[in-house]
Amino acid sequence: MQAKVGDQLLMHGRIVGQRDRVAEIVEVLGANGGPPYRVRFEDGREAVMSPGPDTVVRARGAGA
């Protein structure tokens, strides 16, 4: 997985009824665009994460 600042991580819900979550990448901590990433969620919380297989990168400016 490779990403850059401004891209979004879309984390699919893993349980029936759980909604997808979206976080914006604010800092890439890994080499060559790889994880871990510092992200900001829609509610303003920030976290450092290494996304799992249920996560996809949405490039900045890509349609929803």
PDB file of N, CA and C in Angstrom:
ATOM      1  N   MET A   1       0.844  -1.169   0.000  1.00  0.00           N
ATOM      2  CA  MET A   1       0.000   0.000   0.000  1.00  0.00           C
ATOM      3  C   MET A   1       0.888   1.230   0.000  1.00  0.00           C
ATOM      4  N   GLN A   2       0.583   2.164  -0.892  1.00  0.00           N
ATOM      5  CA  GLN A   2       1.305   3.426  -0.949  1.00  0.00           C
ATOM      6  C   GLN A   2       0.304   4.571  -0.956  1.00  0.00           C
ATOM      7  N   ALA A   3       0.658   5.652  -0.280  1.00  0.00           N
ATOM      8  CA  ALA A   3      -0.217   6.809  -0.206  1.00  0.00           C
ATOM      9  C   ALA A   3       0.630   8.055  -0.009  1.00  0.00           C
ATOM     10  N   LYS A   4      -0.037   9.212  -0.120  1.00  0.00           N
ATOM     11  CA  LYS A   4       0.645  10.478   0.117  1.00  0.00           C
ATOM     12  C   LYS A   4      -0.257  11.383   0.938  1.00  0.00           C
ATOM     13  N   VAL A   5       0.318  12.426   1.491  1.00  0.00           N
ATOM     14  CA  VAL A   5      -0.441  13.369   2.313  1.00  0.00           C
ATOM     15  C   VAL A   5      -1.616  13.902   1.495  1.00  0.00           C
ATOM     16  N   GLY A   6      -2.783  13.915   2.114  1.00  0.00           N
ATOM     17  CA  GLY A   6      -3.993  14.388   1.448  1.00  0.00           C
ATOM     18  C   GLY A   6      -4.866  13.264   0.928  1.00  0.00           C
ATOM     19  N   ASP A   7      -4.279  12.075   0.723  1.00  0.00           N
ATOM     20  CA  ASP A   7      -5.082  10.914   0.326  1.00  0.00           C
ATOM     21  C   ASP A   7      -5.967  10.512   1.498  1.00  0.00           C
ATOM     22  N   GLN A   8      -6.960   9.695   1.219  1.00  0.00           N
ATOM     23  CA  GLN A   8      -7.849   9.214   2.266  1.00  0.00           C
ATOM     24  C   GLN A   8      -7.719   7.707   2.402  1.00  0.00           C
ATOM     25  N   LEU A   9      -7.885   7.232   3.621  1.00  0.00           N
ATOM     26  CA  LEU A   9      -7.991   5.799   3.879  1.00  0.00           C
ATOM     27  C   LEU A   9      -9.466   5.504   4.104  1.00  0.00           C
ATOM     28  N   LEU A  10      -9.995   4.555   3.362  1.00  0.00           N
ATOM     29  CA  LEU A  10     -11.382   4.115   3.514  1.00  0.00           C
ATOM     30  C   LEU A  10     -11.338   2.747   4.168  1.00  0.00           C
ATOM     31  N   MET A  11     -11.813   2.685   5.416  1.00  0.00           N
ATOM     32  CA  MET A  11     -11.797   1.441   6.182  1.00  0.00           C
ATOM     33  C   MET A  11     -13.203   0.863   6.194  1.00  0.00           C
ATOM     34  N   HIS A  12     -13.360  -0.272   5.529  1.00  0.00           N
ATOM     35  CA  HIS A  12     -14.674  -0.904   5.422  1.00  0.00           C
ATOM     36  C   HIS A  12     -15.092  -1.505   6.755  1.00  0.00           C
ATOM     37  N   GLY A  13     -16.399  -1.380   7.080  1.00  0.00           N
ATOM     38  CA  GLY A  13     -16.926  -1.983   8.295  1.00  0.00           C
ATOM     39  C   GLY A  13     -16.714  -3.488   8.269  1.00  0.00           C
ATOM     40  N   ARG A  14     -16.367  -4.055   9.405  1.00  0.00           N
ATOM     41  CA  ARG A  14     -16.063  -5.489   9.469  1.00  0.00           C
ATOM     42  C   ARG A  14     -17.211  -6.304  10.047  1.00  0.00           C
ATOM     43  N   ILE A  15     -18.230  -5.617  10.550  1.00  0.00           N
ATOM     44  CA  ILE A  15     -19.377  -6.275  11.167  1.00  0.00           C
ATOM     45  C   ILE A  15     -20.634  -5.759  10.476  1.00  0.00           C
ATOM     46  N   VAL A  16     -21.624  -6.603  10.307  1.00  0.00           N
ATOM     47  CA  VAL A  16     -22.875  -6.180   9.690  1.00  0.00           C
ATOM     48  C   VAL A  16     -23.431  -4.989  10.461  1.00  0.00           C
ATOM     49  N   GLY A  17     -23.765  -3.926   9.745  1.00  0.00           N
ATOM     50  CA  GLY A  17     -24.311  -2.735  10.372  1.00  0.00           C
ATOM     51  C   GLY A  17     -23.264  -1.696  10.739  1.00  0.00           C
ATOM     52  N   GLN A  18     -21.990  -2.063  10.707  1.00  0.00           N
ATOM     53  CA  GLN A  18     -20.928  -1.110  11.028  1.00  0.00           C
ATOM     54  C   GLN A  18     -20.619  -0.303   9.777  1.00  0.00           C
ATOM     55  N   ARG A  19     -20.627   1.020   9.912  1.00  0.00           N
ATOM     56  CA  ARG A  19     -20.397   1.857   8.732  1.00  0.00           C
ATOM     57  C   ARG A  19     -18.911   1.957   8.404  1.00  0.00           C
ATOM     58  N   ASP A  20     -18.636   2.319   7.161  1.00  0.00           N
ATOM     59  CA  ASP A  20     -17.260   2.558   6.744  1.00  0.00           C
ATOM     60  C   ASP A  20     -16.754   3.820   7.432  1.00  0.00           C
ATOM     61  N   ARG A  21     -15.435   3.876   7.671  1.00  0.00           N
ATOM     62  CA  ARG A  21     -14.814   5.057   8.260  1.00  0.00           C
ATOM     63  C   ARG A  21     -13.819   5.626   7.262  1.00  0.00           C
ATOM     64  N   VAL A  22     -13.687   6.944   7.285  1.00  0.00           N
ATOM     65  CA  VAL A  22     -12.767   7.636   6.385  1.00  0.00           C
ATOM     66  C   VAL A  22     -11.814   8.468   7.225  1.00  0.00           C
ATOM     67  N   ALA A  23     -10.540   8.431   6.869  1.00  0.00           N
ATOM     68  CA  ALA A  23      -9.529   9.250   7.544  1.00  0.00           C
ATOM     69  C   ALA A  23      -8.617   9.858   6.485  1.00  0.00           C
ATOM     70  N   GLU A  24      -8.223  11.100   6.707  1.00  0.00           N
ATOM     71  CA  GLU A  24      -7.298  11.770   5.792  1.00  0.00           C
ATOM     72  C   GLU A  24      -5.873  11.573   6.288  1.00  0.00           C
ATOM     73  N   ILE A  25      -4.976  11.264   5.378  1.00  0.00           N
ATOM     74  CA  ILE A  25      -3.567  11.092   5.733  1.00  0.00           C
ATOM     75  C   ILE A  25      -2.942  12.475   5.891  1.00  0.00           C
ATOM     76  N   VAL A  26      -2.392  12.739   7.078  1.00  0.00           N
ATOM     77  CA  VAL A  26      -1.758  14.026   7.335  1.00  0.00           C
ATOM     78  C   VAL A  26      -0.235  13.913   7.387  1.00  0.00           C
ATOM     79  N   GLU A  27       0.276  12.676   7.505  1.00  0.00           N
ATOM     80  CA  GLU A  27       1.726  12.465   7.497  1.00  0.00           C
ATOM     81  C   GLU A  27       2.013  11.009   7.132  1.00  0.00           C
ATOM     82  N   VAL A  28       2.981  10.813   6.232  1.00  0.00           N
ATOM     83  CA  VAL A  28       3.422   9.473   5.856  1.00  0.00           C
ATOM     84  C   VAL A  28       4.701   9.195   6.644  1.00  0.00           C
ATOM     85  N   LEU A  29       4.684   8.169   7.477  1.00  0.00           N
ATOM     86  CA  LEU A  29       5.822   7.865   8.342  1.00  0.00           C
ATOM     87  C   LEU A  29       6.710   6.757   7.789  1.00  0.00           C
ATOM     88  N   GLY A  30       6.219   5.993   6.823  1.00  0.00           N
ATOM     89  CA  GLY A  30       6.982   4.901   6.246  1.00  0.00           C
ATOM     90  C   GLY A  30       7.778   5.342   5.035  1.00  0.00           C
ATOM     91  N   ALA A  31       8.613   4.449   4.557  1.00  0.00           N
ATOM     92  CA  ALA A  31       9.437   4.724   3.381  1.00  0.00           C
ATOM     93  C   ALA A  31       8.622   4.587   2.100  1.00  0.00           C
ATOM     94  N   ASN A  32       8.897   5.446   1.131  1.00  0.00           N
ATOM     95  CA  ASN A  32       8.294   5.371  -0.201  1.00  0.00           C
ATOM     96  C   ASN A  32       6.767   5.355  -0.187  1.00  0.00           C
ATOM     97  N   GLY A  33       6.154   6.113   0.710  1.00  0.00           N
ATOM     98  CA  GLY A  33       4.700   6.199   0.761  1.00  0.00           C
ATOM     99  C   GLY A  33       4.017   5.057   1.483  1.00  0.00           C
ATOM    100  N   GLY A  34       4.786   4.208   2.125  1.00  0.00           N
ATOM    101  CA  GLY A  34       4.214   3.062   2.827  1.00  0.00           C
ATOM    102  C   GLY A  34       3.828   3.400   4.261  1.00  0.00           C
ATOM    103  N   PRO A  35       3.085   2.506   4.897  1.00  0.00           N
ATOM    104  CA  PRO A  35       2.681   2.721   6.283  1.00  0.00           C
ATOM    105  C   PRO A  35       3.870   2.668   7.233  1.00  0.00           C
ATOM    106  N   PRO A  36       3.709   3.190   8.423  1.00  0.00           N
ATOM    107  CA  PRO A  36       2.474   3.703   9.038  1.00  0.00           C
ATOM    108  C   PRO A  36       2.164   5.120   8.578  1.00  0.00           C
ATOM    109  N   TYR A  37       0.910   5.521   8.820  1.00  0.00           N
ATOM    110  CA  TYR A  37       0.426   6.848   8.462  1.00  0.00           C
ATOM    111  C   TYR A  37      -0.149   7.527   9.704  1.00  0.00           C
ATOM    112  N   ARG A  38       0.041   8.848   9.790  1.00  0.00           N
ATOM    113  CA  ARG A  38      -0.693   9.637  10.787  1.00  0.00           C
ATOM    114  C   ARG A  38      -1.941  10.116  10.064  1.00  0.00           C
ATOM    115  N   VAL A  39      -3.118   9.831  10.630  1.00  0.00           N
ATOM    116  CA  VAL A  39      -4.381  10.145   9.975  1.00  0.00           C
ATOM    117  C   VAL A  39      -5.264  10.988  10.889  1.00  0.00           C
ATOM    118  N   ARG A  40      -6.185  11.723  10.252  1.00  0.00           N
ATOM    119  CA  ARG A  40      -7.185  12.505  10.986  1.00  0.00           C
ATOM    120  C   ARG A  40      -8.558  12.025  10.548  1.00  0.00           C
ATOM    121  N   PHE A  41      -9.350  11.594  11.540  1.00  0.00           N
ATOM    122  CA  PHE A  41     -10.705  11.122  11.261  1.00  0.00           C
ATOM    123  C   PHE A  41     -11.664  12.300  11.126  1.00  0.00           C
ATOM    124  N   GLU A  42     -12.864  12.020  10.635  1.00  0.00           N
ATOM    125  CA  GLU A  42     -13.859  13.056  10.383  1.00  0.00           C
ATOM    126  C   GLU A  42     -14.230  13.835  11.642  1.00  0.00           C
ATOM    127  N   ASP A  43     -14.120  13.211  12.815  1.00  0.00           N
ATOM    128  CA  ASP A  43     -14.472  13.889  14.065  1.00  0.00           C
ATOM    129  C   ASP A  43     -13.296  14.667  14.670  1.00  0.00           C
ATOM    130  N   GLY A  44     -12.159  14.714  13.955  1.00  0.00           N
ATOM    131  CA  GLY A  44     -11.000  15.481  14.397  1.00  0.00           C
ATOM    132  C   GLY A  44      -9.956  14.689  15.154  1.00  0.00           C
ATOM    133  N   ARG A  45     -10.284  13.452  15.571  1.00  0.00           N
ATOM    134  CA  ARG A  45      -9.291  12.621  16.267  1.00  0.00           C
ATOM    135  C   ARG A  45      -8.160  12.282  15.310  1.00  0.00           C
ATOM    136  N   GLU A  46      -6.953  12.129  15.853  1.00  0.00           N
ATOM    137  CA  GLU A  46      -5.804  11.700  15.055  1.00  0.00           C
ATOM    138  C   GLU A  46      -5.244  10.408  15.628  1.00  0.00           C
ATOM    139  N   ALA A  47      -4.622   9.613  14.753  1.00  0.00           N
ATOM    140  CA  ALA A  47      -4.022   8.349  15.167  1.00  0.00           C
ATOM    141  C   ALA A  47      -2.899   8.000  14.198  1.00  0.00           C
ATOM    142  N   VAL A  48      -2.006   7.131  14.652  1.00  0.00           N
ATOM    143  CA  VAL A  48      -0.990   6.540  13.780  1.00  0.00           C
ATOM    144  C   VAL A  48      -1.443   5.125  13.526  1.00  0.00           C
ATOM    145  N   MET A  49      -1.504   4.740  12.250  1.00  0.00           N
ATOM    146  CA  MET A  49      -2.007   3.401  11.944  1.00  0.00           C
ATOM    147  C   MET A  49      -1.302   2.787  10.756  1.00  0.00           C
ATOM    148  N   SER A  50      -1.278   1.472  10.772  1.00  0.00           N
ATOM    149  CA  SER A  50      -0.835   0.661   9.640  1.00  0.00           C
ATOM    150  C   SER A  50      -2.074  -0.090   9.167  1.00  0.00           C
ATOM    151  N   PRO A  51      -2.656   0.329   8.046  1.00  0.00           N
ATOM    152  CA  PRO A  51      -3.933  -0.228   7.604  1.00  0.00           C
ATOM    153  C   PRO A  51      -3.871  -1.716   7.310  1.00  0.00           C
ATOM    154  N   GLY A  52      -4.996  -2.376   7.553  1.00  0.00           N
ATOM    155  CA  GLY A  52      -5.132  -3.803   7.277  1.00  0.00           C
ATOM    156  C   GLY A  52      -5.765  -4.058   5.912  1.00  0.00           C
ATOM    157  N   PRO A  53      -6.103  -5.314   5.638  1.00  0.00           N
ATOM    158  CA  PRO A  53      -6.628  -5.693   4.322  1.00  0.00           C
ATOM    159  C   PRO A  53      -8.033  -5.157   4.039  1.00  0.00           C
ATOM    160  N   ASP A  54      -8.719  -4.641   5.055  1.00  0.00           N
ATOM    161  CA  ASP A  54     -10.062  -4.091   4.863  1.00  0.00           C
ATOM    162  C   ASP A  54     -10.027  -2.592   4.564  1.00  0.00           C
ATOM    163  N   THR A  55      -8.841  -2.063   4.241  1.00  0.00           N
ATOM    164  CA  THR A  55      -8.649  -0.633   4.002  1.00  0.00           C
ATOM    165  C   THR A  55      -8.128  -0.404   2.591  1.00  0.00           C
ATOM    166  N   VAL A  56      -8.649   0.646   1.933  1.00  0.00           N
ATOM    167  CA  VAL A  56      -8.169   1.040   0.615  1.00  0.00           C
ATOM    168  C   VAL A  56      -7.779   2.503   0.644  1.00  0.00           C
ATOM    169  N   VAL A  57      -6.862   2.881  -0.249  1.00  0.00           N
ATOM    170  CA  VAL A  57      -6.430   4.268  -0.374  1.00  0.00           C
ATOM    171  C   VAL A  57      -7.250   4.921  -1.475  1.00  0.00           C
ATOM    172  N   ARG A  58      -7.789   6.091  -1.159  1.00  0.00           N
ATOM    173  CA  ARG A  58      -8.506   6.889  -2.151  1.00  0.00           C
ATOM    174  C   ARG A  58      -7.638   8.118  -2.402  1.00  0.00           C
ATOM    175  N   ALA A  59      -7.134   8.270  -3.630  1.00  0.00           N
ATOM    176  CA  ALA A  59      -6.246   9.368  -3.961  1.00  0.00           C
ATOM    177  C   ALA A  59      -6.955  10.701  -3.823  1.00  0.00           C
ATOM    178  N   ARG A  60      -6.214  11.711  -3.431  1.00  0.00           N
ATOM    179  CA  ARG A  60      -6.775  13.057  -3.282  1.00  0.00           C
ATOM    180  C   ARG A  60      -7.413  13.478  -4.609  1.00  0.00           C
ATOM    181  N   GLY A  61      -8.613  13.998  -4.517  1.00  0.00           N
ATOM    182  CA  GLY A  61      -9.320  14.449  -5.714  1.00  0.00           C
ATOM    183  C   GLY A  61     -10.083  13.366  -6.440  1.00  0.00           C
ATOM    184  N   ALA A  62      -9.973  12.105  -5.997  1.00  0.00           N
ATOM    185  CA  ALA A  62     -10.709  11.007  -6.639  1.00  0.00           C
ATOM    186  C   ALA A  62     -12.174  11.090  -6.238  1.00  0.00           C
ATOM    187  N   GLY A  63     -13.063  10.778  -7.147  1.00  0.00           N
ATOM    188  CA  GLY A  63     -14.499  10.800  -6.851  1.00  0.00           C
ATOM    189  C   GLY A  63     -14.884   9.742  -5.852  1.00  0.00           C
ATOM    190  N   ALA A  64     -15.951  10.005  -5.122  1.00  0.00           N
ATOM    191  CA  ALA A  64     -16.400   9.062  -4.090  1.00  0.00           C
ATOM    192  C   ALA A  64     -17.225   7.949  -4.672  1.00  0.00           C
TER     193      ALA A  64
END
